[in-house]
PDB file of N, CA and C in Angstrom:
ATOM      1  N   UNK A   1       2.517 -19.745   2.141  1.00  0.00           N
ATOM      2  CA  UNK A   1       1.279 -18.356   1.661  1.00  0.00           C
ATOM      3  C   UNK A   1       2.277 -18.318   1.812  1.00  0.00           C
ATOM      4  N   UNK A   2       2.472 -18.285  -0.103  1.00  0.00           N
ATOM      5  CA  UNK A   2       3.884 -16.880  -0.631  1.00  0.00           C
ATOM      6  C   UNK A   2       4.181 -15.794   0.308  1.00  0.00           C
ATOM      7  N   UNK A   3       4.539 -15.152  -0.328  1.00  0.00           N
ATOM      8  CA  UNK A   3       4.616 -13.381   0.132  1.00  0.00           C
ATOM      9  C   UNK A   3       4.270 -12.508   0.198  1.00  0.00           C
ATOM     10  N   UNK A   4       3.722 -11.446   1.400  1.00  0.00           N
ATOM     11  CA  UNK A   4       2.967 -10.959   0.254  1.00  0.00           C
ATOM     12  C   UNK A   4       1.726 -11.050  -0.701  1.00  0.00           C
ATOM     13  N   UNK A   5       0.773 -11.876   0.038  1.00  0.00           N
ATOM     14  CA  UNK A   5       0.367 -12.902  -0.768  1.00  0.00           C
ATOM     15  C   UNK A   5      -1.335 -12.062  -1.283  1.00  0.00           C
ATOM     16  N   UNK A   6      -1.723 -11.558  -0.099  1.00  0.00           N
ATOM     17  CA  UNK A   6      -2.841 -10.037  -0.072  1.00  0.00           C
ATOM     18  C   UNK A   6      -2.398  -8.660  -1.023  1.00  0.00           C
ATOM     19  N   UNK A   7      -0.709  -8.630  -0.878  1.00  0.00           N
ATOM     20  CA  UNK A   7       0.018  -7.251  -0.881  1.00  0.00           C
ATOM     21  C   UNK A   7      -0.803  -6.983  -2.025  1.00  0.00           C
ATOM     22  N   UNK A   8      -1.539  -4.836  -2.295  1.00  0.00           N
ATOM     23  CA  UNK A   8      -1.312  -4.949  -3.689  1.00  0.00           C
ATOM     24  C   UNK A   8      -0.561  -4.709  -4.109  1.00  0.00           C
ATOM     25  N   UNK A   9      -0.544  -4.048  -5.505  1.00  0.00           N
ATOM     26  CA  UNK A   9       1.182  -3.350  -6.323  1.00  0.00           C
ATOM     27  C   UNK A   9       1.109  -2.210  -6.193  1.00  0.00           C
ATOM     28  N   UNK A  10       1.601  -1.620  -5.749  1.00  0.00           N
ATOM     29  CA  UNK A  10       1.572   0.006  -5.412  1.00  0.00           C
ATOM     30  C   UNK A  10       1.903   1.515  -7.065  1.00  0.00           C
ATOM     31  N   UNK A  11       1.858   1.695  -7.408  1.00  0.00           N
ATOM     32  CA  UNK A  11       2.679   2.666  -8.152  1.00  0.00           C
ATOM     33  C   UNK A  11       4.061   2.366  -8.424  1.00  0.00           C
ATOM     34  N   UNK A  12       5.016   2.636  -7.486  1.00  0.00           N
ATOM     35  CA  UNK A  12       6.196   2.251  -6.298  1.00  0.00           C
ATOM     36  C   UNK A  12       6.937   0.774  -7.300  1.00  0.00           C
ATOM     37  N   UNK A  13       6.288  -0.607  -6.676  1.00  0.00           N
ATOM     38  CA  UNK A  13       6.456  -1.452  -7.240  1.00  0.00           C
ATOM     39  C   UNK A  13       6.482  -1.606  -8.809  1.00  0.00           C
ATOM     40  N   UNK A  14       5.099  -0.718  -9.314  1.00  0.00           N
ATOM     41  CA  UNK A  14       5.298  -1.200 -11.264  1.00  0.00           C
ATOM     42  C   UNK A  14       6.882  -0.481 -11.133  1.00  0.00           C
ATOM     43  N   UNK A  15       7.009   0.752 -11.129  1.00  0.00           N
ATOM     44  CA  UNK A  15       7.995   1.307 -10.969  1.00  0.00           C
ATOM     45  C   UNK A  15       8.622   0.395 -11.330  1.00  0.00           C
ATOM     46  N   UNK A  16       9.283   0.185 -10.569  1.00  0.00           N
ATOM     47  CA  UNK A  16      10.721  -0.934  -9.647  1.00  0.00           C
ATOM     48  C   UNK A  16      10.231  -1.768 -10.746  1.00  0.00           C
ATOM     49  N   UNK A  17       9.324  -3.073 -11.226  1.00  0.00           N
ATOM     50  CA  UNK A  17       8.810  -3.904 -12.330  1.00  0.00           C
ATOM     51  C   UNK A  17       9.433  -3.264 -13.382  1.00  0.00           C
ATOM     52  N   UNK A  18       9.054  -2.267 -13.883  1.00  0.00           N
ATOM     53  CA  UNK A  18       9.150  -1.351 -15.032  1.00  0.00           C
ATOM     54  C   UNK A  18      11.481  -1.272 -14.566  1.00  0.00           C
ATOM     55  N   UNK A  19      11.665  -0.448 -14.524  1.00  0.00           N
ATOM     56  CA  UNK A  19      12.641  -0.859 -14.458  1.00  0.00           C
ATOM     57  C   UNK A  19      13.979  -2.059 -14.009  1.00  0.00           C
ATOM     58  N   UNK A  20      13.545  -2.978 -13.600  1.00  0.00           N
ATOM     59  CA  UNK A  20      13.545  -4.199 -13.167  1.00  0.00           C
ATOM     60  C   UNK A  20      13.983  -4.864 -14.932  1.00  0.00           C
ATOM     61  N   UNK A  21      13.180  -4.917 -15.516  1.00  0.00           N
ATOM     62  CA  UNK A  21      12.381  -5.393 -16.643  1.00  0.00           C
ATOM     63  C   UNK A  21      13.418  -4.294 -17.260  1.00  0.00           C
ATOM     64  N   UNK A  22      14.266  -2.954 -17.695  1.00  0.00           N
ATOM     65  CA  UNK A  22      14.403  -2.749 -18.286  1.00  0.00           C
ATOM     66  C   UNK A  22      16.248  -2.387 -18.496  1.00  0.00           C
ATOM     67  N   UNK A  23      16.343  -3.186 -17.323  1.00  0.00           N
ATOM     68  CA  UNK A  23      17.398  -3.610 -16.983  1.00  0.00           C
ATOM     69  C   UNK A  23      18.457  -4.970 -17.444  1.00  0.00           C
ATOM     70  N   UNK A  24      17.367  -5.547 -17.832  1.00  0.00           N
ATOM     71  CA  UNK A  24      17.501  -6.830 -17.966  1.00  0.00           C
ATOM     72  C   UNK A  24      18.032  -8.086 -17.109  1.00  0.00           C
ATOM     73  N   UNK A  25      16.897  -7.914 -16.258  1.00  0.00           N
ATOM     74  CA  UNK A  25      17.295  -8.701 -14.891  1.00  0.00           C
ATOM     75  C   UNK A  25      16.172  -9.923 -15.477  1.00  0.00           C
ATOM     76  N   UNK A  26      16.152 -10.813 -14.879  1.00  0.00           N
ATOM     77  CA  UNK A  26      15.603 -12.101 -15.252  1.00  0.00           C
ATOM     78  C   UNK A  26      14.473 -12.310 -14.011  1.00  0.00           C
ATOM     79  N   UNK A  27      13.432 -13.098 -13.715  1.00  0.00           N
ATOM     80  CA  UNK A  27      12.497 -12.916 -13.556  1.00  0.00           C
ATOM     81  C   UNK A  27      12.958 -13.084 -11.991  1.00  0.00           C
ATOM     82  N   UNK A  28      13.739 -13.699 -12.096  1.00  0.00           N
ATOM     83  CA  UNK A  28      13.974 -14.424 -10.603  1.00  0.00           C
ATOM     84  C   UNK A  28      14.539 -13.285 -10.155  1.00  0.00           C
ATOM     85  N   UNK A  29      15.321 -11.872 -10.719  1.00  0.00           N
ATOM     86  CA  UNK A  29      15.469 -11.390 -10.612  1.00  0.00           C
ATOM     87  C   UNK A  29      15.056 -10.377  -9.520  1.00  0.00           C
ATOM     88  N   UNK A  30      14.111 -10.200  -9.824  1.00  0.00           N
ATOM     89  CA  UNK A  30      12.794  -9.664  -9.887  1.00  0.00           C
ATOM     90  C   UNK A  30      11.837  -9.523  -8.619  1.00  0.00           C
ATOM     91  N   UNK A  31      11.532 -11.295  -8.714  1.00  0.00           N
ATOM     92  CA  UNK A  31      11.082 -11.363  -7.146  1.00  0.00           C
ATOM     93  C   UNK A  31      11.398 -11.086  -6.218  1.00  0.00           C
ATOM     94  N   UNK A  32      12.970 -11.722  -6.562  1.00  0.00           N
ATOM     95  CA  UNK A  32      14.039 -11.176  -4.981  1.00  0.00           C
ATOM     96  C   UNK A  32      13.780  -9.621  -4.543  1.00  0.00           C
ATOM     97  N   UNK A  33      13.854  -9.283  -5.526  1.00  0.00           N
ATOM     98  CA  UNK A  33      14.310  -7.574  -5.528  1.00  0.00           C
ATOM     99  C   UNK A  33      12.654  -6.954  -5.563  1.00  0.00           C
ATOM    100  N   UNK A  34      11.364  -7.409  -6.071  1.00  0.00           N
ATOM    101  CA  UNK A  34       9.816  -6.947  -5.225  1.00  0.00           C
ATOM    102  C   UNK A  34       9.516  -8.181  -3.771  1.00  0.00           C
ATOM    103  N   UNK A  35       9.751  -8.789  -3.321  1.00  0.00           N
ATOM    104  CA  UNK A  35       9.877 -10.017  -2.841  1.00  0.00           C
ATOM    105  C   UNK A  35       8.247  -9.990  -2.352  1.00  0.00           C
ATOM    106  N   UNK A  36       8.559 -10.683  -3.801  1.00  0.00           N
ATOM    107  CA  UNK A  36       6.894 -11.260  -4.459  1.00  0.00           C
ATOM    108  C   UNK A  36       7.362 -13.234  -5.206  1.00  0.00           C
ATOM    109  N   UNK A  37       6.189 -13.589  -5.167  1.00  0.00           N
ATOM    110  CA  UNK A  37       6.024 -14.986  -6.177  1.00  0.00           C
ATOM    111  C   UNK A  37       6.662 -14.492  -7.366  1.00  0.00           C
ATOM    112  N   UNK A  38       7.207 -15.742  -7.730  1.00  0.00           N
ATOM    113  CA  UNK A  38       7.233 -15.567  -9.535  1.00  0.00           C
ATOM    114  C   UNK A  38       6.085 -15.825 -10.001  1.00  0.00           C
ATOM    115  N   UNK A  39       4.813 -15.930  -9.462  1.00  0.00           N
ATOM    116  CA  UNK A  39       3.769 -15.897 -10.145  1.00  0.00           C
ATOM    117  C   UNK A  39       2.946 -14.303 -10.676  1.00  0.00           C
ATOM    118  N   UNK A  40       2.973 -14.004  -9.595  1.00  0.00           N
ATOM    119  CA  UNK A  40       3.013 -12.512  -9.126  1.00  0.00           C
ATOM    120  C   UNK A  40       3.556 -11.232 -10.008  1.00  0.00           C
ATOM    121  N   UNK A  41       4.702 -11.249 -10.083  1.00  0.00           N
ATOM    122  CA  UNK A  41       5.390 -10.887 -10.748  1.00  0.00           C
ATOM    123  C   UNK A  41       5.671 -11.020 -12.481  1.00  0.00           C
ATOM    124  N   UNK A  42       5.004 -12.701 -12.607  1.00  0.00           N
ATOM    125  CA  UNK A  42       5.570 -12.571 -14.354  1.00  0.00           C
ATOM    126  C   UNK A  42       3.571 -11.817 -14.457  1.00  0.00           C
ATOM    127  N   UNK A  43       2.287 -12.222 -13.129  1.00  0.00           N
ATOM    128  CA  UNK A  43       0.878 -11.838 -14.529  1.00  0.00           C
ATOM    129  C   UNK A  43       1.788 -10.335 -14.455  1.00  0.00           C
ATOM    130  N   UNK A  44       2.352  -9.728 -13.316  1.00  0.00           N
ATOM    131  CA  UNK A  44       2.463  -8.187 -13.235  1.00  0.00           C
ATOM    132  C   UNK A  44       2.280  -7.668 -14.382  1.00  0.00           C
ATOM    133  N   UNK A  45       4.063  -8.783 -15.219  1.00  0.00           N
ATOM    134  CA  UNK A  45       4.800  -8.304 -16.369  1.00  0.00           C
ATOM    135  C   UNK A  45       3.853  -8.010 -17.285  1.00  0.00           C
ATOM    136  N   UNK A  46       3.757  -9.570 -17.113  1.00  0.00           N
ATOM    137  CA  UNK A  46       1.767  -9.621 -18.165  1.00  0.00           C
ATOM    138  C   UNK A  46       0.777  -8.089 -18.821  1.00  0.00           C
ATOM    139  N   UNK A  47       0.566  -8.065 -17.647  1.00  0.00           N
ATOM    140  CA  UNK A  47      -0.036  -6.790 -17.585  1.00  0.00           C
ATOM    141  C   UNK A  47       0.252  -5.687 -18.289  1.00  0.00           C
ATOM    142  N   UNK A  48       1.488  -5.281 -17.637  1.00  0.00           N
ATOM    143  CA  UNK A  48       2.639  -4.138 -17.902  1.00  0.00           C
ATOM    144  C   UNK A  48       2.459  -4.634 -19.272  1.00  0.00           C
ATOM    145  N   UNK A  49       2.339  -5.152 -20.181  1.00  0.00           N
ATOM    146  CA  UNK A  49       3.974  -5.968 -21.647  1.00  0.00           C
ATOM    147  C   UNK A  49       4.816  -5.588 -21.090  1.00  0.00           C
ATOM    148  N   UNK A  50       5.556  -6.574 -19.775  1.00  0.00           N
ATOM    149  CA  UNK A  50       6.982  -6.274 -19.919  1.00  0.00           C
ATOM    150  C   UNK A  50       7.338  -7.390 -20.087  1.00  0.00           C
ATOM    151  N   UNK A  51       8.480  -7.870 -20.708  1.00  0.00           N
ATOM    152  CA  UNK A  51       9.397  -9.344 -20.423  1.00  0.00           C
ATOM    153  C   UNK A  51      10.884  -9.520 -20.318  1.00  0.00           C
ATOM    154  N   UNK A  52      10.323  -9.970 -19.465  1.00  0.00           N
ATOM    155  CA  UNK A  52      12.529 -10.637 -18.872  1.00  0.00           C
ATOM    156  C   UNK A  52      13.173 -11.787 -19.518  1.00  0.00           C
ATOM    157  N   UNK A  53      13.509 -11.464 -19.639  1.00  0.00           N
ATOM    158  CA  UNK A  53      15.338 -12.517 -20.947  1.00  0.00           C
ATOM    159  C   UNK A  53      15.017 -14.067 -19.105  1.00  0.00           C
ATOM    160  N   UNK A  54      14.910 -15.145 -19.410  1.00  0.00           N
ATOM    161  CA  UNK A  54      15.644 -16.307 -19.017  1.00  0.00           C
ATOM    162  C   UNK A  54      16.837 -16.357 -18.671  1.00  0.00           C
ATOM    163  N   UNK A  55      16.530 -17.797 -17.497  1.00  0.00           N
ATOM    164  CA  UNK A  55      17.753 -17.805 -17.159  1.00  0.00           C
ATOM    165  C   UNK A  55      19.039 -17.548 -17.549  1.00  0.00           C
ATOM    166  N   UNK A  56      18.852 -18.622 -18.587  1.00  0.00           N
ATOM    167  CA  UNK A  56      19.542 -19.070 -19.771  1.00  0.00           C
ATOM    168  C   UNK A  56      20.270 -18.507 -21.062  1.00  0.00           C
ATOM    169  N   UNK A  57      18.947 -17.379 -20.974  1.00  0.00           N
ATOM    170  CA  UNK A  57      20.387 -15.922 -21.787  1.00  0.00           C
ATOM    171  C   UNK A  57      21.013 -15.470 -20.613  1.00  0.00           C
ATOM    172  N   UNK A  58      20.748 -15.060 -19.802  1.00  0.00           N
ATOM    173  CA  UNK A  58      21.331 -14.212 -18.432  1.00  0.00           C
ATOM    174  C   UNK A  58      22.696 -15.035 -18.786  1.00  0.00           C
ATOM    175  N   UNK A  59      22.558 -16.436 -18.126  1.00  0.00           N
ATOM    176  CA  UNK A  59      23.615 -17.292 -17.832  1.00  0.00           C
ATOM    177  C   UNK A  59      24.732 -16.679 -19.343  1.00  0.00           C
ATOM    178  N   UNK A  60      23.457 -17.462 -20.267  1.00  0.00           N
ATOM    179  CA  UNK A  60      24.579 -16.790 -21.653  1.00  0.00           C
ATOM    180  C   UNK A  60      25.670 -15.517 -21.414  1.00  0.00           C
ATOM    181  N   UNK A  61      24.343 -14.498 -21.858  1.00  0.00           N
ATOM    182  CA  UNK A  61      25.387 -13.302 -21.161  1.00  0.00           C
ATOM    183  C   UNK A  61      26.481 -12.799 -20.587  1.00  0.00           C
ATOM    184  N   UNK A  62      25.810 -13.924 -18.729  1.00  0.00           N
ATOM    185  CA  UNK A  62      27.704 -13.135 -17.922  1.00  0.00           C
ATOM    186  C   UNK A  62      28.312 -14.312 -18.857  1.00  0.00           C
ATOM    187  N   UNK A  63      27.945 -15.782 -19.772  1.00  0.00           N
ATOM    188  CA  UNK A  63      29.325 -16.231 -19.383  1.00  0.00           C
ATOM    189  C   UNK A  63      30.447 -15.436 -21.134  1.00  0.00           C
ATOM    190  N   UNK A  64      29.303 -14.576 -21.586  1.00  0.00           N
ATOM    191  CA  UNK A  64      30.058 -14.141 -22.917  1.00  0.00           C
ATOM    192  C   UNK A  64      30.640 -12.913 -22.959  1.00  0.00           C
ATOM    193  N   UNK A  65      30.726 -12.476 -20.763  1.00  0.00           N
ATOM    194  CA  UNK A  65      31.248 -11.191 -20.293  1.00  0.00           C
ATOM    195  C   UNK A  65      32.645 -11.133 -20.240  1.00  0.00           C
ATOM    196  N   UNK A  66      32.994 -12.750 -19.780  1.00  0.00           N
ATOM    197  CA  UNK A  66      33.960 -13.117 -19.035  1.00  0.00           C
ATOM    198  C   UNK A  66      33.536 -13.078 -17.703  1.00  0.00           C
ATOM    199  N   UNK A  67      32.518 -13.608 -16.931  1.00  0.00           N
ATOM    200  CA  UNK A  67      32.035 -13.018 -15.507  1.00  0.00           C
ATOM    201  C   UNK A  67      32.673 -15.022 -15.166  1.00  0.00           C
ATOM    202  N   UNK A  68      32.141 -16.126 -16.194  1.00  0.00           N
ATOM    203  CA  UNK A  68      31.985 -17.818 -15.521  1.00  0.00           C
ATOM    204  C   UNK A  68      33.541 -17.475 -16.335  1.00  0.00           C
ATOM    205  N   UNK A  69      34.531 -17.224 -16.684  1.00  0.00           N
ATOM    206  CA  UNK A  69      35.531 -17.573 -16.990  1.00  0.00           C
ATOM    207  C   UNK A  69      36.327 -17.970 -15.324  1.00  0.00           C
ATOM    208  N   UNK A  70      36.683 -19.193 -16.098  1.00  0.00           N
ATOM    209  CA  UNK A  70      37.856 -19.925 -14.752  1.00  0.00           C
ATOM    210  C   UNK A  70      39.264 -19.726 -14.690  1.00  0.00           C
ATOM    211  N   UNK A  71      40.499 -19.149 -13.718  1.00  0.00           N
ATOM    212  CA  UNK A  71      41.951 -19.655 -14.231  1.00  0.00           C
ATOM    213  C   UNK A  71      41.644 -20.939 -15.014  1.00  0.00           C
TER     214      UNK A  71
END
């Protein structure tokens, strides 16, 4: 059974979701932070008109910032 399968979204949860989306977090990061399934987070984000960057974009941004540079 998914985490928080029957838990309703509170205003606090929605505000946290908005913060994560505006900070550039990925969907995976948002699901972990909110302790909810990815389908639940994705559905709520769509309802609120929010978008998350894909994992590939997050990794590309990290590489561009030098996070993945090897010695």
